[in-house]
Amino acid sequence: MGRLRNKLGFSFNLALLEVGMGQAVLESITYSAVCQDCGARLECCGVQALVDGSLRWDVEVTCSVCGFAMAVCDDVLPSDLRDQLLSEHGAAWLRVTSPWGKSIAIIRVLRAELGLDLTEAMTALDRVLAEEFSGTLPEMEFLARKLRSVGVSAVAARP
């Protein structure tokens, strides 16, 4: 497991970080953007994290030309950067063991956490049971924890 040091000097593990009541699950990427102050190329570091039961997207940007710096915490993960996370780290799958008799609980979690209607949740259930439901590691661990909290044995795993 690697370590990342941000521009402010804080260092943290890339995949798992011990916090309070459990482990946070993290995945990070770096990417470029345009500085809003001077127009130069910015270095950005983004981290998707599951911390204290919620998903968050934090970004830190620094311009080496003009010194502009900004940190945005608990933002929404843009789809293009989610795609980059999946490309760089690979997808994780939601795996449910012994799902017999647990379909209703799984559907309820999928509807509540993903905002799905009943038809979409049934389709998602089929994908979960076929071990074809995937996303970033923090996203899948988030769902696995929600499922475990209602008595469904679930894990987030990479192949």
C-alpha atoms as a PDB file:
ATOM      1  CA  MET A   1       0.000   0.000   0.000  1.00  0.00           C
ATOM      2  CA  GLY A   2       1.455   3.355  -1.037  1.00  0.00           C
ATOM      3  CA  ARG A   3       1.538   6.662   0.771  1.00  0.00           C
ATOM      4  CA  LEU A   4       0.605  10.087  -0.504  1.00  0.00           C
ATOM      5  CA  ARG A   5       1.939  13.389   0.827  1.00  0.00           C
ATOM      6  CA  ASN A   6      -0.190  16.388  -0.001  1.00  0.00           C
ATOM      7  CA  LYS A   7       1.056  19.944  -0.545  1.00  0.00           C
ATOM      8  CA  LEU A   8       0.325  20.832   3.072  1.00  0.00           C
ATOM      9  CA  GLY A   9       2.664  18.073   4.233  1.00  0.00           C
ATOM     10  CA  PHE A  10       0.083  15.565   5.454  1.00  0.00           C
ATOM     11  CA  SER A  11       0.775  11.969   4.568  1.00  0.00           C
ATOM     12  CA  PHE A  12      -1.801   9.184   4.318  1.00  0.00           C
ATOM     13  CA  ASN A  13      -2.216   5.669   2.950  1.00  0.00           C
ATOM     14  CA  LEU A  14      -3.742   5.398  -0.499  1.00  0.00           C
ATOM     15  CA  ALA A  15      -6.138   2.539   0.209  1.00  0.00           C
ATOM     16  CA  LEU A  16      -6.866   2.308   3.933  1.00  0.00           C
ATOM     17  CA  LEU A  17      -6.505   4.828   6.727  1.00  0.00           C
ATOM     18  CA  GLU A  18      -7.253   4.139  10.384  1.00  0.00           C
ATOM     19  CA  VAL A  19      -9.786   6.614  11.726  1.00  0.00           C
ATOM     20  CA  GLY A  20     -12.058   6.850  14.722  1.00  0.00           C
ATOM     21  CA  MET A  21     -14.563   4.024  14.550  1.00  0.00           C
ATOM     22  CA  GLY A  22     -13.034   2.003  11.702  1.00  0.00           C
ATOM     23  CA  GLN A  23     -11.008   2.209   8.570  1.00  0.00           C
ATOM     24  CA  ALA A  24     -11.451   4.856   5.944  1.00  0.00           C
ATOM     25  CA  VAL A  25     -11.169   3.597   2.384  1.00  0.00           C
ATOM     26  CA  LEU A  26      -9.358   5.970   0.018  1.00  0.00           C
ATOM     27  CA  GLU A  27      -8.419   6.186  -3.624  1.00  0.00           C
ATOM     28  CA  SER A  28      -6.596   9.145  -5.105  1.00  0.00           C
ATOM     29  CA  ILE A  29      -5.719  10.579  -8.494  1.00  0.00           C
ATOM     30  CA  THR A  30      -3.726  13.512  -9.795  1.00  0.00           C
ATOM     31  CA  TYR A  31      -4.812  15.577 -12.763  1.00  0.00           C
ATOM     32  CA  SER A  32      -4.272  18.980 -14.350  1.00  0.00           C
ATOM     33  CA  ALA A  33      -6.551  21.996 -14.591  1.00  0.00           C
ATOM     34  CA  VAL A  34      -6.233  25.687 -15.452  1.00  0.00           C
ATOM     35  CA  CYS A  35      -5.453  28.188 -12.677  1.00  0.00           C
ATOM     36  CA  GLN A  36      -8.362  30.570 -12.165  1.00  0.00           C
ATOM     37  CA  ASP A  37      -5.940  33.362 -11.159  1.00  0.00           C
ATOM     38  CA  CYS A  38      -3.203  33.261 -13.816  1.00  0.00           C
ATOM     39  CA  GLY A  39      -4.280  30.679 -16.401  1.00  0.00           C
ATOM     40  CA  ALA A  40      -1.268  28.426 -15.855  1.00  0.00           C
ATOM     41  CA  ARG A  41      -1.502  24.671 -15.504  1.00  0.00           C
ATOM     42  CA  LEU A  42      -2.463  23.523 -11.984  1.00  0.00           C
ATOM     43  CA  GLU A  43      -1.531  20.310 -10.246  1.00  0.00           C
ATOM     44  CA  CYS A  44      -4.630  18.809  -8.633  1.00  0.00           C
ATOM     45  CA  CYS A  45      -4.889  15.917  -6.209  1.00  0.00           C
ATOM     46  CA  GLY A  46      -8.295  14.351  -5.652  1.00  0.00           C
ATOM     47  CA  VAL A  47      -9.259  11.735  -3.093  1.00  0.00           C
ATOM     48  CA  GLN A  48     -12.486   9.765  -2.927  1.00  0.00           C
ATOM     49  CA  ALA A  49     -12.919   8.527   0.620  1.00  0.00           C
ATOM     50  CA  LEU A  50     -15.332   6.560   2.726  1.00  0.00           C
ATOM     51  CA  VAL A  51     -14.983   8.190   6.129  1.00  0.00           C
ATOM     52  CA  ASP A  52     -17.272   7.731   9.120  1.00  0.00           C
ATOM     53  CA  GLY A  53     -19.939   6.076   6.984  1.00  0.00           C
ATOM     54  CA  SER A  54     -20.127   8.619   4.188  1.00  0.00           C
ATOM     55  CA  LEU A  55     -18.539   9.056   0.777  1.00  0.00           C
ATOM     56  CA  ARG A  56     -16.664  12.265   0.087  1.00  0.00           C
ATOM     57  CA  TRP A  57     -14.573  13.770  -2.687  1.00  0.00           C
ATOM     58  CA  ASP A  58     -11.797  16.119  -1.604  1.00  0.00           C
ATOM     59  CA  VAL A  59      -9.563  18.092  -3.973  1.00  0.00           C
ATOM     60  CA  GLU A  60      -6.425  20.097  -3.365  1.00  0.00           C
ATOM     61  CA  VAL A  61      -4.997  22.362  -6.068  1.00  0.00           C
ATOM     62  CA  THR A  62      -1.764  24.344  -6.184  1.00  0.00           C
ATOM     63  CA  CYS A  63      -0.405  26.643  -8.874  1.00  0.00           C
ATOM     64  CA  SER A  64       3.377  26.648  -9.059  1.00  0.00           C
ATOM     65  CA  VAL A  65       3.344  29.905 -11.055  1.00  0.00           C
ATOM     66  CA  CYS A  66       1.250  32.304  -8.949  1.00  0.00           C
ATOM     67  CA  GLY A  67       0.922  30.345  -5.711  1.00  0.00           C
ATOM     68  CA  PHE A  68      -2.869  30.013  -5.860  1.00  0.00           C
ATOM     69  CA  ALA A  69      -3.949  27.139  -3.615  1.00  0.00           C
ATOM     70  CA  MET A  70      -7.330  25.761  -2.706  1.00  0.00           C
ATOM     71  CA  ALA A  71      -8.806  22.759  -0.932  1.00  0.00           C
ATOM     72  CA  VAL A  72     -12.393  21.668  -1.512  1.00  0.00           C
ATOM     73  CA  CYS A  73     -13.733  19.118   0.938  1.00  0.00           C
ATOM     74  CA  ASP A  74     -16.761  16.840   0.765  1.00  0.00           C
ATOM     75  CA  ASP A  75     -17.620  17.744  -2.798  1.00  0.00           C
ATOM     76  CA  VAL A  76     -19.380  15.607  -5.431  1.00  0.00           C
ATOM     77  CA  LEU A  77     -17.099  13.367  -7.517  1.00  0.00           C
ATOM     78  CA  PRO A  78     -17.324  14.475 -11.184  1.00  0.00           C
ATOM     79  CA  SER A  79     -18.013  11.589 -13.583  1.00  0.00           C
ATOM     80  CA  ASP A  80     -14.848  12.159 -15.667  1.00  0.00           C
ATOM     81  CA  LEU A  81     -12.673  11.980 -12.541  1.00  0.00           C
ATOM     82  CA  ARG A  82     -14.590   8.897 -11.353  1.00  0.00           C
ATOM     83  CA  ASP A  83     -13.723   7.332 -14.720  1.00  0.00           C
ATOM     84  CA  GLN A  84     -10.078   8.262 -14.134  1.00  0.00           C
ATOM     85  CA  LEU A  85     -10.175   6.645 -10.656  1.00  0.00           C
ATOM     86  CA  LEU A  86     -11.584   3.457 -12.184  1.00  0.00           C
ATOM     87  CA  SER A  87      -9.004   3.530 -14.973  1.00  0.00           C
ATOM     88  CA  GLU A  88      -6.052   4.000 -12.622  1.00  0.00           C
ATOM     89  CA  HIS A  89      -7.150   1.764  -9.727  1.00  0.00           C
ATOM     90  CA  GLY A  90      -9.496  -0.693 -11.407  1.00  0.00           C
ATOM     91  CA  ALA A  91     -13.060  -1.478 -10.452  1.00  0.00           C
ATOM     92  CA  ALA A  92     -14.120  -3.115  -7.211  1.00  0.00           C
ATOM     93  CA  TRP A  93     -17.097  -5.467  -7.099  1.00  0.00           C
ATOM     94  CA  LEU A  94     -19.807  -5.796  -4.505  1.00  0.00           C
ATOM     95  CA  ARG A  95     -19.962  -9.428  -3.421  1.00  0.00           C
ATOM     96  CA  VAL A  96     -22.799 -10.817  -1.338  1.00  0.00           C
ATOM     97  CA  THR A  97     -22.393 -14.220   0.283  1.00  0.00           C
ATOM     98  CA  SER A  98     -25.394 -16.326   1.297  1.00  0.00           C
ATOM     99  CA  PRO A  99     -27.929 -13.947  -0.289  1.00  0.00           C
ATOM    100  CA  TRP A 100     -30.832 -16.401   0.079  1.00  0.00           C
ATOM    101  CA  GLY A 101     -33.733 -14.683   1.771  1.00  0.00           C
ATOM    102  CA  LYS A 102     -31.914 -11.331   1.741  1.00  0.00           C
ATOM    103  CA  SER A 103     -33.142  -9.919  -1.580  1.00  0.00           C
ATOM    104  CA  ILE A 104     -35.615  -7.501   0.023  1.00  0.00           C
ATOM    105  CA  ALA A 105     -32.926  -6.121   2.354  1.00  0.00           C
ATOM    106  CA  ILE A 106     -30.513  -5.727  -0.575  1.00  0.00           C
ATOM    107  CA  ILE A 107     -33.143  -3.938  -2.675  1.00  0.00           C
ATOM    108  CA  ARG A 108     -33.943  -1.582   0.205  1.00  0.00           C
ATOM    109  CA  VAL A 109     -30.286  -0.635   0.621  1.00  0.00           C
ATOM    110  CA  LEU A 110     -29.805  -0.145  -3.126  1.00  0.00           C
ATOM    111  CA  ARG A 111     -32.905   2.053  -3.343  1.00  0.00           C
ATOM    112  CA  ALA A 112     -32.035   4.102  -0.268  1.00  0.00           C
ATOM    113  CA  GLU A 113     -28.358   4.626  -1.027  1.00  0.00           C
ATOM    114  CA  LEU A 114     -28.405   4.911  -4.814  1.00  0.00           C
ATOM    115  CA  GLY A 115     -31.777   6.617  -5.253  1.00  0.00           C
ATOM    116  CA  LEU A 116     -33.088   3.854  -7.503  1.00  0.00           C
ATOM    117  CA  ASP A 117     -36.724   3.149  -8.243  1.00  0.00           C
ATOM    118  CA  LEU A 118     -38.009  -0.389  -7.736  1.00  0.00           C
ATOM    119  CA  THR A 119     -37.363  -1.529 -11.311  1.00  0.00           C
ATOM    120  CA  GLU A 120     -33.814  -0.129 -11.278  1.00  0.00           C
ATOM    121  CA  ALA A 121     -33.171  -1.718  -7.880  1.00  0.00           C
ATOM    122  CA  MET A 122     -34.344  -5.123  -9.148  1.00  0.00           C
ATOM    123  CA  THR A 123     -31.953  -4.830 -12.094  1.00  0.00           C
ATOM    124  CA  ALA A 124     -29.153  -3.784  -9.725  1.00  0.00           C
ATOM    125  CA  LEU A 125     -29.993  -6.753  -7.452  1.00  0.00           C
ATOM    126  CA  ASP A 126     -29.557  -9.117 -10.394  1.00  0.00           C
ATOM    127  CA  ARG A 127     -26.145  -7.564 -11.083  1.00  0.00           C
ATOM    128  CA  VAL A 128     -25.146  -7.806  -7.394  1.00  0.00           C
ATOM    129  CA  LEU A 129     -26.148 -11.480  -7.215  1.00  0.00           C
ATOM    130  CA  ALA A 130     -24.257 -12.194 -10.459  1.00  0.00           C
ATOM    131  CA  GLU A 131     -21.193 -10.396  -9.017  1.00  0.00           C
ATOM    132  CA  GLU A 132     -21.369  -7.853 -11.845  1.00  0.00           C
ATOM    133  CA  PHE A 133     -22.068  -4.723  -9.748  1.00  0.00           C
ATOM    134  CA  SER A 134     -18.942  -2.600  -9.682  1.00  0.00           C
ATOM    135  CA  GLY A 135     -17.610   0.864  -8.945  1.00  0.00           C
ATOM    136  CA  THR A 136     -14.755   2.496  -7.098  1.00  0.00           C
ATOM    137  CA  LEU A 137     -13.468   0.750  -3.990  1.00  0.00           C
ATOM    138  CA  PRO A 138     -14.879   3.435  -1.639  1.00  0.00           C
ATOM    139  CA  GLU A 139     -18.299   3.204  -3.349  1.00  0.00           C
ATOM    140  CA  MET A 140     -18.477  -0.581  -3.109  1.00  0.00           C
ATOM    141  CA  GLU A 141     -17.229  -0.621   0.490  1.00  0.00           C
ATOM    142  CA  PHE A 142     -19.888   1.993   1.332  1.00  0.00           C
ATOM    143  CA  LEU A 143     -22.607  -0.325  -0.012  1.00  0.00           C
ATOM    144  CA  ALA A 144     -21.050  -3.397   1.628  1.00  0.00           C
ATOM    145  CA  ARG A 145     -21.099  -1.660   5.022  1.00  0.00           C
ATOM    146  CA  LYS A 146     -24.722  -0.597   4.527  1.00  0.00           C
ATOM    147  CA  LEU A 147     -25.637  -4.175   3.626  1.00  0.00           C
ATOM    148  CA  ARG A 148     -23.770  -5.619   6.608  1.00  0.00           C
ATOM    149  CA  SER A 149     -25.631  -3.194   8.887  1.00  0.00           C
ATOM    150  CA  VAL A 150     -28.920  -4.862   7.851  1.00  0.00           C
ATOM    151  CA  GLY A 151     -27.624  -8.408   8.215  1.00  0.00           C
ATOM    152  CA  VAL A 152     -26.429  -9.115   4.677  1.00  0.00           C
ATOM    153  CA  SER A 153     -22.940 -10.588   4.412  1.00  0.00           C
ATOM    154  CA  ALA A 154     -21.199  -8.382   1.842  1.00  0.00           C
ATOM    155  CA  VAL A 155     -17.689  -7.318   0.876  1.00  0.00           C
ATOM    156  CA  ALA A 156     -16.074  -4.981  -1.624  1.00  0.00           C
ATOM    157  CA  ALA A 157     -13.337  -6.788  -3.518  1.00  0.00           C
ATOM    158  CA  ARG A 158     -11.109  -6.533  -6.533  1.00  0.00           C
ATOM    159  CA  PRO A 159     -10.575  -9.562  -8.757  1.00  0.00           C
END
